[in-house]
Amino acid sequence: LSYHEAEAKDVSECFRFKNQPTVTWINIDGLHQMDVLEKLGACYGIHPLVLEDILTDQRPKIEDYDDYIFIVLKMLYYEESEESPEDDEGDDLGESSLDMDQVSIILGPNFIISFKEKEVDVFNPLRDRLRTAKGKIRKQGADYLAYSMIDAIVDHYFVIMEKLGDRFEDLEDAVVSDPEPGILPTIYNLKRDMLFLRKSVWPLREAISKMQRTDSPLVTEPTQIYLRDVYDHTIQVIENVETFRDMSASLLETYLSSLSNKLNEVIKLLTIISTIFIPLTFLAGVYGMNFRFMPELESPWGYPAVLIFMLLVVLVMLAYFHRKEWI
């Protein structure tokens, strides 16, 4: 089986592959050139509404047309800020975010056309398999290539989930050991990432299920079997997302509880100090009264005696607090 890879300088160079018996994968990076989309649409018979969906943000879906199948997926990336606070063990707790790129795929009888805005993607392992003829990808049709692209995107979700899981573990340790105020924005960022991830992944289950059950001749029965595996992976991703959403809510509660405990410790310390000073203030008030006849004032040992008595009061109170395990 032959393999040819080239970068086209003009979209018209792709037209000659339309009626070839081999499978053609046309990848378009950057969606700002409307004339390119219109030329491709005219050549491959793509409906204008499909071209409009390619240019606008859509939820994951699969639409079955007569001559092709239109697939919309969300390709996610995990990015971390360069300047990030760390916990006591040096683990990164800085702001992170999920970046998204919409991938639109046109599956035809012998061609695949993919549209995305960014050059970076998760298809490099897929391209390597095509170049080196590893596996069965070069022996199958366009539907298997479309399945492989969907599988690559879904598998990358697990990479993101693993990184988010590590981040949750670091945050849990930091929240329990030292709940600093700076952790709160990080928790809210994670909750936002979970919501963003859920919106991107949840509709994918329905879309893949629809493609798995399609009656279109463009998707063969062997490929539908492979799509069942992708569907199972999608269910796993959704379950992980729901688990992480619960963890983020629990993490926020743990943070607020730890912060409350820390505040209670401060209040406890201040209360102990205030309690110790109550008898000392009483003694100082008694001997600070402006009376002429106070025997202790005439004694040369009166002042040191009062100080020693105050010290004994403090020591007795500290011993009592320690016995009660208050300090």
Protein backbone atom coordinates (compact mmCIF):
# COMPACT_ATOMS: atom_id res chain seq x y z
CA LEU A 1 0.00 0.00 0.00
CA SER A 2 1.36 3.41 -0.98
CA TYR A 3 1.39 6.51 1.17
CA HIS A 4 1.84 10.11 0.09
CA GLU A 5 1.96 13.20 2.31
CA ALA A 6 2.24 16.77 1.06
CA GLU A 7 1.42 20.33 2.06
CA ALA A 8 -0.83 22.05 -0.48
CA LYS A 9 -0.19 25.70 -1.26
CA ASP A 10 -3.58 26.09 -2.89
CA VAL A 11 -6.83 24.33 -2.13
CA SER A 12 -7.29 23.43 -5.79
CA GLU A 13 -4.44 20.93 -5.44
CA CYS A 14 -6.76 18.79 -3.31
CA PHE A 15 -9.46 18.48 -5.93
CA ARG A 16 -7.64 15.83 -7.96
CA PHE A 17 -7.96 13.35 -5.08
CA LYS A 18 -11.75 13.42 -5.07
CA ASN A 19 -12.34 10.44 -7.34
CA GLN A 20 -9.19 8.50 -6.49
CA PRO A 21 -9.63 4.88 -5.32
CA THR A 22 -7.28 5.53 -2.39
CA VAL A 23 -8.25 7.20 0.89
CA THR A 24 -7.41 10.92 1.08
CA TRP A 25 -7.09 12.92 4.31
CA ILE A 26 -7.26 16.69 3.79
CA ASN A 27 -6.46 18.70 6.93
CA ILE A 28 -7.25 22.44 7.08
CA ASP A 29 -5.55 24.49 9.82
CA GLY A 30 -7.08 27.93 10.35
CA LEU A 31 -10.68 28.77 9.61
CA HIS A 32 -10.30 32.43 8.67
CA GLN A 33 -10.14 31.84 4.90
CA MET A 34 -13.76 31.56 3.85
CA ASP A 35 -12.90 31.22 0.17
CA VAL A 36 -11.00 28.00 0.90
CA LEU A 37 -14.05 26.50 2.61
CA GLU A 38 -16.33 27.57 -0.21
CA LYS A 39 -14.07 25.98 -2.84
CA LEU A 40 -13.86 22.73 -0.88
CA GLY A 41 -17.59 22.79 -0.31
CA ALA A 42 -18.28 23.26 -4.01
CA CYS A 43 -15.86 20.49 -5.01
CA TYR A 44 -16.96 17.88 -2.46
CA GLY A 45 -20.64 18.85 -2.34
CA ILE A 46 -20.67 20.10 1.25
CA HIS A 47 -23.89 21.84 2.27
CA PRO A 48 -23.59 25.60 3.07
CA LEU A 49 -25.10 25.00 6.53
CA VAL A 50 -22.32 22.52 7.26
CA LEU A 51 -19.73 25.11 6.23
CA GLU A 52 -21.44 27.57 8.57
CA ASP A 53 -21.26 25.06 11.44
CA ILE A 54 -17.55 24.57 10.75
CA LEU A 55 -16.96 28.30 11.26
CA THR A 56 -19.09 28.63 14.41
CA ASP A 57 -18.83 27.02 17.82
CA GLN A 58 -20.93 23.84 17.99
CA ARG A 59 -21.54 21.16 20.57
CA PRO A 60 -20.20 17.68 19.69
CA LYS A 61 -22.55 16.09 17.18
CA ILE A 62 -22.80 13.81 14.15
CA GLU A 63 -25.05 14.58 11.17
CA ASP A 64 -25.69 12.01 8.45
CA TYR A 65 -26.02 13.41 4.93
CA ASP A 66 -26.48 11.48 1.70
CA ASP A 67 -22.88 11.58 0.47
CA TYR A 68 -20.97 12.27 3.67
CA ILE A 69 -21.14 12.34 7.47
CA PHE A 70 -20.45 15.57 9.36
CA ILE A 71 -18.72 15.15 12.75
CA VAL A 72 -18.00 17.87 15.32
CA LEU A 73 -15.67 17.15 18.26
CA LYS A 74 -13.88 19.14 20.95
CA MET A 75 -10.11 18.74 21.19
CA LEU A 76 -8.92 19.77 24.66
CA TYR A 77 -5.52 20.89 25.90
CA TYR A 78 -4.26 21.29 29.46
CA GLU A 79 -2.21 24.42 30.07
CA GLU A 80 -0.53 25.66 33.24
CA SER A 81 0.61 29.18 34.05
CA GLU A 82 4.35 29.74 34.31
CA GLU A 83 4.15 31.57 37.64
CA SER A 84 2.43 29.24 40.07
CA PRO A 85 2.35 29.13 43.88
CA GLU A 86 3.57 25.98 45.57
CA ASP A 87 2.59 24.15 48.70
CA ASP A 88 4.98 23.16 51.49
CA GLU A 89 6.24 20.14 49.51
CA GLY A 90 6.93 22.15 46.37
CA ASP A 91 3.96 20.88 44.37
CA ASP A 92 2.58 23.28 41.82
CA LEU A 93 -0.72 24.84 42.84
CA GLY A 94 -0.90 27.61 40.26
CA GLU A 95 -3.70 28.51 37.94
CA SER A 96 -4.45 26.03 35.20
CA SER A 97 -6.93 26.11 32.38
CA LEU A 98 -8.38 23.88 29.71
CA ASP A 99 -8.04 25.18 26.20
CA MET A 100 -10.32 23.92 23.46
CA ASP A 101 -10.21 23.65 19.69
CA GLN A 102 -13.21 22.56 17.66
CA VAL A 103 -12.48 19.78 15.18
CA SER A 104 -14.91 19.34 12.29
CA ILE A 105 -14.63 16.17 10.19
CA ILE A 106 -16.24 15.40 6.85
CA LEU A 107 -16.34 11.63 6.22
CA GLY A 108 -16.85 10.73 2.58
CA PRO A 109 -16.66 7.46 0.63
CA ASN A 110 -12.91 7.72 0.09
CA PHE A 111 -11.87 10.93 1.82
CA ILE A 112 -11.62 12.66 5.17
CA ILE A 113 -11.60 16.46 5.48
CA SER A 114 -10.73 17.84 8.91
CA PHE A 115 -11.04 21.48 9.93
CA LYS A 116 -9.50 23.08 13.01
CA GLU A 117 -8.22 26.49 14.02
CA LYS A 118 -4.88 25.58 15.63
CA GLU A 119 -1.96 23.74 14.09
CA VAL A 120 -1.31 21.72 17.23
CA ASP A 121 -3.45 18.61 17.64
CA VAL A 122 -3.45 15.09 19.06
CA PHE A 123 -3.16 13.33 15.71
CA ASN A 124 0.65 13.00 15.58
CA PRO A 125 0.60 9.33 16.75
CA LEU A 126 -2.02 8.71 14.07
CA ARG A 127 0.17 10.30 11.42
CA ASP A 128 3.12 8.20 12.57
CA ARG A 129 1.05 5.04 12.13
CA LEU A 130 0.17 6.13 8.62
CA ARG A 131 3.79 6.90 7.74
CA THR A 132 5.20 3.66 9.14
CA ALA A 133 2.26 1.43 8.12
CA LYS A 134 1.84 0.21 11.71
CA GLY A 135 -1.42 -1.49 12.50
CA LYS A 136 -4.31 -1.85 10.08
CA ILE A 137 -5.01 1.83 9.46
CA ARG A 138 -3.53 1.85 5.94
CA LYS A 139 -5.46 -1.30 5.07
CA GLN A 140 -8.86 0.11 6.00
CA GLY A 141 -11.19 2.69 4.52
CA ALA A 142 -12.01 6.29 5.32
CA ASP A 143 -14.46 5.27 8.06
CA TYR A 144 -11.67 3.55 9.99
CA LEU A 145 -9.53 6.67 9.67
CA ALA A 146 -12.43 8.73 11.06
CA TYR A 147 -12.76 6.27 13.93
CA SER A 148 -9.02 6.56 14.62
CA MET A 149 -9.28 10.36 14.78
CA ILE A 150 -12.21 10.19 17.20
CA ASP A 151 -10.37 7.61 19.29
CA ALA A 152 -7.25 9.83 19.46
CA ILE A 153 -9.31 12.76 20.73
CA VAL A 154 -11.13 10.66 23.34
CA ASP A 155 -7.91 8.99 24.51
CA HIS A 156 -6.37 12.42 25.04
CA TYR A 157 -9.18 13.15 27.48
CA PHE A 158 -7.68 10.49 29.75
CA VAL A 159 -4.34 12.33 29.69
CA ILE A 160 -6.13 15.49 30.80
CA MET A 161 -8.02 13.59 33.50
CA GLU A 162 -4.76 12.18 34.84
CA LYS A 163 -3.22 15.66 35.11
CA LEU A 164 -6.34 16.99 36.79
CA GLY A 165 -6.27 14.06 39.21
CA ASP A 166 -2.68 14.87 40.20
CA ARG A 167 -3.71 18.47 40.70
CA PHE A 168 -6.58 17.47 42.97
CA GLU A 169 -4.21 15.38 45.11
CA ASP A 170 -1.79 18.30 45.50
CA LEU A 171 -4.63 20.63 46.44
CA GLU A 172 -6.04 18.18 48.99
CA ASP A 173 -2.66 17.98 50.74
CA ALA A 174 -2.31 21.76 50.71
CA VAL A 175 -5.85 22.34 51.98
CA VAL A 176 -5.39 19.99 54.93
CA SER A 177 -1.86 21.06 55.88
CA ASP A 178 -1.97 24.81 55.27
CA PRO A 179 -5.24 26.30 53.95
CA GLU A 180 -3.89 29.60 52.67
CA PRO A 181 -6.33 32.13 51.15
CA GLY A 182 -4.51 31.86 47.80
CA ILE A 183 -5.77 28.29 47.37
CA LEU A 184 -9.40 29.39 47.05
CA PRO A 185 -9.03 30.89 43.52
CA THR A 186 -7.28 27.70 42.42
CA ILE A 187 -10.19 25.59 43.66
CA TYR A 188 -12.65 27.78 41.78
CA ASN A 189 -10.48 27.48 38.65
CA LEU A 190 -10.68 23.71 38.92
CA LYS A 191 -14.45 23.83 39.38
CA ARG A 192 -14.66 25.97 36.25
CA ASP A 193 -12.44 23.51 34.36
CA MET A 194 -14.72 20.65 35.42
CA LEU A 195 -17.77 22.51 34.13
CA PHE A 196 -15.97 23.29 30.87
CA LEU A 197 -14.88 19.66 30.49
CA ARG A 198 -18.37 18.37 31.20
CA LYS A 199 -19.91 20.61 28.55
CA SER A 200 -17.36 19.35 26.03
CA VAL A 201 -17.61 15.64 26.83
CA TRP A 202 -21.24 15.04 27.76
CA PRO A 203 -22.73 15.49 24.24
CA LEU A 204 -19.98 13.27 22.83
CA ARG A 205 -21.65 10.15 24.19
CA GLU A 206 -24.81 10.76 22.19
CA ALA A 207 -22.83 11.66 19.05
CA ILE A 208 -20.71 8.49 19.10
CA SER A 209 -23.75 6.37 19.90
CA LYS A 210 -25.50 7.82 16.86
CA MET A 211 -22.52 7.07 14.62
CA GLN A 212 -22.31 3.56 16.04
CA ARG A 213 -25.95 2.87 15.12
CA THR A 214 -25.99 4.67 11.77
CA ASP A 215 -27.29 2.90 8.68
CA SER A 216 -25.05 4.91 6.39
CA PRO A 217 -22.99 2.82 3.96
CA LEU A 218 -20.06 5.14 4.75
CA VAL A 219 -19.56 3.36 8.10
CA THR A 220 -18.92 -0.37 7.77
CA GLU A 221 -19.94 -2.93 10.35
CA PRO A 222 -16.34 -3.68 11.49
CA THR A 223 -15.80 0.03 12.15
CA GLN A 224 -19.03 0.18 14.15
CA ILE A 225 -17.58 -2.50 16.43
CA TYR A 226 -14.53 -0.30 17.03
CA LEU A 227 -16.84 2.64 17.74
CA ARG A 228 -18.35 0.64 20.61
CA ASP A 229 -14.96 0.72 22.27
CA VAL A 230 -14.78 4.51 21.83
CA TYR A 231 -18.27 4.76 23.29
CA ASP A 232 -17.14 2.81 26.37
CA HIS A 233 -14.16 5.14 26.74
CA THR A 234 -16.50 8.11 26.52
CA ILE A 235 -18.61 6.69 29.35
CA GLN A 236 -15.45 6.31 31.45
CA VAL A 237 -14.47 9.92 30.78
CA ILE A 238 -17.93 11.14 31.77
CA GLU A 239 -17.80 9.11 34.99
CA ASN A 240 -14.38 10.57 35.79
CA VAL A 241 -15.67 14.08 35.14
CA GLU A 242 -18.59 13.54 37.52
CA THR A 243 -16.19 12.15 40.13
CA PHE A 244 -13.91 15.17 39.80
CA ARG A 245 -16.90 17.52 40.06
CA ASP A 246 -17.82 15.89 43.36
CA MET A 247 -14.20 16.10 44.46
CA SER A 248 -14.04 19.81 43.65
CA ALA A 249 -17.16 20.45 45.75
CA SER A 250 -15.73 18.34 48.58
CA LEU A 251 -12.40 20.14 48.25
CA LEU A 252 -14.09 23.50 48.69
CA GLU A 253 -15.91 22.26 51.79
CA THR A 254 -12.66 20.86 53.18
CA TYR A 255 -10.91 24.18 52.54
CA LEU A 256 -13.63 26.17 54.31
CA SER A 257 -13.62 23.69 57.19
CA SER A 258 -9.81 23.84 57.50
CA LEU A 259 -9.91 27.62 57.36
CA SER A 260 -12.59 27.64 60.05
CA ASN A 261 -10.49 25.32 62.23
CA LYS A 262 -7.49 27.57 61.75
CA LEU A 263 -9.58 30.59 62.74
CA ASN A 264 -10.87 28.71 65.78
CA GLU A 265 -7.29 28.02 66.86
CA VAL A 266 -6.50 31.73 66.67
CA ILE A 267 -9.64 32.61 68.62
CA LYS A 268 -8.77 29.94 71.17
CA LEU A 269 -5.31 31.42 71.67
CA LEU A 270 -6.69 34.93 72.05
CA THR A 271 -9.30 33.66 74.51
CA ILE A 272 -6.63 31.97 76.64
CA ILE A 273 -4.55 35.15 76.68
CA SER A 274 -7.60 37.22 77.62
CA THR A 275 -8.54 34.76 80.37
CA ILE A 276 -5.04 34.92 81.85
CA PHE A 277 -5.16 38.71 81.97
CA ILE A 278 -8.53 38.84 83.77
CA PRO A 279 -7.14 38.15 87.30
CA LEU A 280 -4.04 40.21 86.53
CA THR A 281 -6.22 43.13 85.52
CA PHE A 282 -8.28 42.68 88.70
CA LEU A 283 -5.17 42.78 90.90
CA ALA A 284 -3.77 45.77 89.07
CA GLY A 285 -7.13 47.52 89.46
CA VAL A 286 -7.32 46.83 93.19
CA TYR A 287 -3.86 48.16 93.91
CA GLY A 288 -4.36 51.02 91.54
CA MET A 289 -7.20 52.48 93.64
CA ASN A 290 -6.40 55.91 95.08
CA PHE A 291 -6.79 55.23 98.83
CA ARG A 292 -4.46 56.50 101.56
CA PHE A 293 -4.67 53.56 103.95
CA MET A 294 -3.44 50.48 102.05
CA PRO A 295 -0.98 48.47 104.20
CA GLU A 296 0.73 46.86 101.21
CA LEU A 297 1.72 50.24 99.79
CA GLU A 298 3.79 51.03 102.87
CA SER A 299 5.61 47.69 102.84
CA PRO A 300 8.99 47.61 101.02
CA TRP A 301 8.11 44.09 99.81
CA GLY A 302 4.61 44.95 98.62
CA TYR A 303 5.45 45.56 94.96
CA PRO A 304 7.62 42.44 94.39
CA ALA A 305 5.13 40.37 96.40
CA VAL A 306 2.27 41.39 94.10
CA LEU A 307 4.36 40.65 91.00
CA ILE A 308 5.29 37.21 92.34
CA PHE A 309 1.64 36.54 93.15
CA MET A 310 0.62 37.56 89.63
CA LEU A 311 3.24 35.21 88.20
CA LEU A 312 1.93 32.36 90.35
CA VAL A 313 -1.59 33.05 89.11
CA VAL A 314 -0.40 32.86 85.51
CA LEU A 315 1.49 29.59 86.14
CA VAL A 316 -1.47 27.99 87.91
CA MET A 317 -3.82 28.95 85.07
CA LEU A 318 -1.41 27.63 82.42
CA ALA A 319 -1.08 24.35 84.32
CA TYR A 320 -4.86 24.08 84.52
CA PHE A 321 -5.28 24.78 80.79
CA HIS A 322 -2.62 22.19 79.97
CA ARG A 323 -4.31 19.60 82.19
CA LYS A 324 -7.58 20.21 80.33
CA GLU A 325 -5.65 19.89 77.03
CA TRP A 326 -6.71 23.34 75.96
CA ILE A 327 -3.12 24.24 75.15
